[in-house]
């Protein structure tokens, strides 16, 4: 994403997912301005997302703008949701494997102590 840092990417992810939760009925005002304290950074993110066709920007007046996800933005939000889900499922899978190994080791210990008596 060009000049945008990792923290900004996380903020963009949160804003896009917030917009996705309210789609198609909601048009959002000030989401990017609230997420990014630095106005220049907010403008860079808005410009990037608008140029890539992720969001539509409507000027309400000289100070306020409304944001809405495009169909490409919805696809992007769905992909981010699936990526997060897959990351969590991976962590769950690792936890289950570790617990299975611990159970197996404890079972072997029990068998050894049972047959050693």
Foldseek 3Di string as FASTA:
>chain_A
DPPDDPVVVVLVLVLLLVLLVDPPPDWDKCSLCVSDVDPVNSVVVVVVCVVVQQWDWADPDPPIIIIHGDPVVNVVNVVVVVVVVVVVVVVVVVVVVVVVVVVVVVVVVVVVVVVVD
